[in-house]
Amino acid sequence: MTMSKLQYRGVNYDNATHEAPSTQPVDHAYRGHHYDAPLRHDAAPVNTDVELQYRGHSYQHRQAEAAQQVNQG
């Protein structure tokens, strides 16, 4: 069995030759906010004390429920 070559907009590429994101900080801006952080980093810890809102509705942290759903399937 042969692997098919990956292609993006007509350009062939091999995913194995791409370098992994660095842990060195990168100076960049996103939506007008300045950041100096590495491209590869651990996820930030969840702070359940913060009230999150999405489109005017309060978001409830449901980590235990989500973990249970993942472990069932």
C-alpha atoms as a PDB file:
ATOM      1  CA  MET A   1       0.000   0.000   0.000  1.00  0.00           C
ATOM      2  CA  THR A   2       1.436   3.378  -0.989  1.00  0.00           C
ATOM      3  CA  MET A   3       0.723   6.593   0.834  1.00  0.00           C
ATOM      4  CA  SER A   4      -0.782   9.392  -1.192  1.00  0.00           C
ATOM      5  CA  LYS A   5       1.062  12.678  -1.173  1.00  0.00           C
ATOM      6  CA  LEU A   6      -0.483  15.528   0.746  1.00  0.00           C
ATOM      7  CA  GLN A   7      -1.393  18.549  -1.300  1.00  0.00           C
ATOM      8  CA  TYR A   8      -2.508  22.079  -0.467  1.00  0.00           C
ATOM      9  CA  ARG A   9      -3.731  24.332  -3.268  1.00  0.00           C
ATOM     10  CA  GLY A  10      -1.827  22.265  -5.793  1.00  0.00           C
ATOM     11  CA  VAL A  11       1.450  22.216  -3.827  1.00  0.00           C
ATOM     12  CA  ASN A  12       2.740  18.822  -2.647  1.00  0.00           C
ATOM     13  CA  TYR A  13       4.157  18.618   0.858  1.00  0.00           C
ATOM     14  CA  ASP A  14       5.356  16.015   3.325  1.00  0.00           C
ATOM     15  CA  ASN A  15       4.112  16.568   6.867  1.00  0.00           C
ATOM     16  CA  ALA A  16       7.100  14.643   8.302  1.00  0.00           C
ATOM     17  CA  THR A  17       9.522  17.317   7.089  1.00  0.00           C
ATOM     18  CA  HIS A  18       7.792  20.195   8.862  1.00  0.00           C
ATOM     19  CA  GLU A  19       9.524  21.377  11.993  1.00  0.00           C
ATOM     20  CA  ALA A  20       7.678  21.337  15.310  1.00  0.00           C
ATOM     21  CA  PRO A  21       6.739  24.659  16.961  1.00  0.00           C
ATOM     22  CA  SER A  22       9.516  26.056  19.088  1.00  0.00           C
ATOM     23  CA  THR A  23       9.427  26.739  22.812  1.00  0.00           C
ATOM     24  CA  GLN A  24      11.324  30.011  22.214  1.00  0.00           C
ATOM     25  CA  PRO A  25       9.184  33.150  22.736  1.00  0.00           C
ATOM     26  CA  VAL A  26       7.896  34.777  19.549  1.00  0.00           C
ATOM     27  CA  ASP A  27       7.059  38.485  19.370  1.00  0.00           C
ATOM     28  CA  HIS A  28       3.662  38.869  17.659  1.00  0.00           C
ATOM     29  CA  ALA A  29       0.372  40.793  17.722  1.00  0.00           C
ATOM     30  CA  TYR A  30      -3.195  39.506  17.493  1.00  0.00           C
ATOM     31  CA  ARG A  31      -6.192  41.820  17.120  1.00  0.00           C
ATOM     32  CA  GLY A  32      -4.166  44.747  18.342  1.00  0.00           C
ATOM     33  CA  HIS A  33      -2.811  42.996  21.454  1.00  0.00           C
ATOM     34  CA  HIS A  34       0.928  42.446  21.780  1.00  0.00           C
ATOM     35  CA  TYR A  35       2.190  38.985  22.821  1.00  0.00           C
ATOM     36  CA  ASP A  36       5.616  37.542  23.517  1.00  0.00           C
ATOM     37  CA  ALA A  37       4.999  33.830  24.004  1.00  0.00           C
ATOM     38  CA  PRO A  38       6.257  30.533  22.570  1.00  0.00           C
ATOM     39  CA  LEU A  39       4.223  28.812  19.855  1.00  0.00           C
ATOM     40  CA  ARG A  40       4.325  25.560  21.837  1.00  0.00           C
ATOM     41  CA  HIS A  41       3.006  25.864  25.389  1.00  0.00           C
ATOM     42  CA  ASP A  42       0.911  24.008  27.934  1.00  0.00           C
ATOM     43  CA  ALA A  43      -2.767  24.851  28.249  1.00  0.00           C
ATOM     44  CA  ALA A  44      -3.602  27.431  30.896  1.00  0.00           C
ATOM     45  CA  PRO A  45      -5.230  26.027  34.040  1.00  0.00           C
ATOM     46  CA  VAL A  46      -9.005  26.422  34.253  1.00  0.00           C
ATOM     47  CA  ASN A  47     -10.142  29.143  36.637  1.00  0.00           C
ATOM     48  CA  THR A  48     -13.707  28.289  37.673  1.00  0.00           C
ATOM     49  CA  ASP A  49     -13.957  31.524  39.686  1.00  0.00           C
ATOM     50  CA  VAL A  50     -14.084  33.564  36.474  1.00  0.00           C
ATOM     51  CA  GLU A  51     -17.526  34.075  34.965  1.00  0.00           C
ATOM     52  CA  LEU A  52     -17.355  33.465  31.231  1.00  0.00           C
ATOM     53  CA  GLN A  53     -19.898  34.875  28.779  1.00  0.00           C
ATOM     54  CA  TYR A  54     -20.556  33.868  25.186  1.00  0.00           C
ATOM     55  CA  ARG A  55     -22.956  35.901  23.062  1.00  0.00           C
ATOM     56  CA  GLY A  56     -24.659  37.303  26.144  1.00  0.00           C
ATOM     57  CA  HIS A  57     -25.106  33.965  27.901  1.00  0.00           C
ATOM     58  CA  SER A  58     -23.214  32.820  30.978  1.00  0.00           C
ATOM     59  CA  TYR A  59     -20.978  29.801  30.366  1.00  0.00           C
ATOM     60  CA  GLN A  60     -20.923  27.084  33.023  1.00  0.00           C
ATOM     61  CA  HIS A  61     -17.740  25.095  33.656  1.00  0.00           C
ATOM     62  CA  ARG A  62     -18.607  21.435  33.195  1.00  0.00           C
ATOM     63  CA  GLN A  63     -15.241  19.668  33.277  1.00  0.00           C
ATOM     64  CA  ALA A  64     -16.445  16.613  35.198  1.00  0.00           C
ATOM     65  CA  GLU A  65     -19.420  16.170  32.866  1.00  0.00           C
ATOM     66  CA  ALA A  66     -17.221  16.524  29.774  1.00  0.00           C
ATOM     67  CA  ALA A  67     -14.659  14.056  31.130  1.00  0.00           C
ATOM     68  CA  GLN A  68     -17.419  11.530  31.826  1.00  0.00           C
ATOM     69  CA  GLN A  69     -18.740  11.843  28.251  1.00  0.00           C
ATOM     70  CA  VAL A  70     -15.261  11.352  26.813  1.00  0.00           C
ATOM     71  CA  ASN A  71     -14.585   8.285  28.968  1.00  0.00           C
ATOM     72  CA  GLN A  72     -17.929   6.680  28.013  1.00  0.00           C
ATOM     73  CA  GLY A  73     -17.219   6.694  24.281  1.00  0.00           C
END
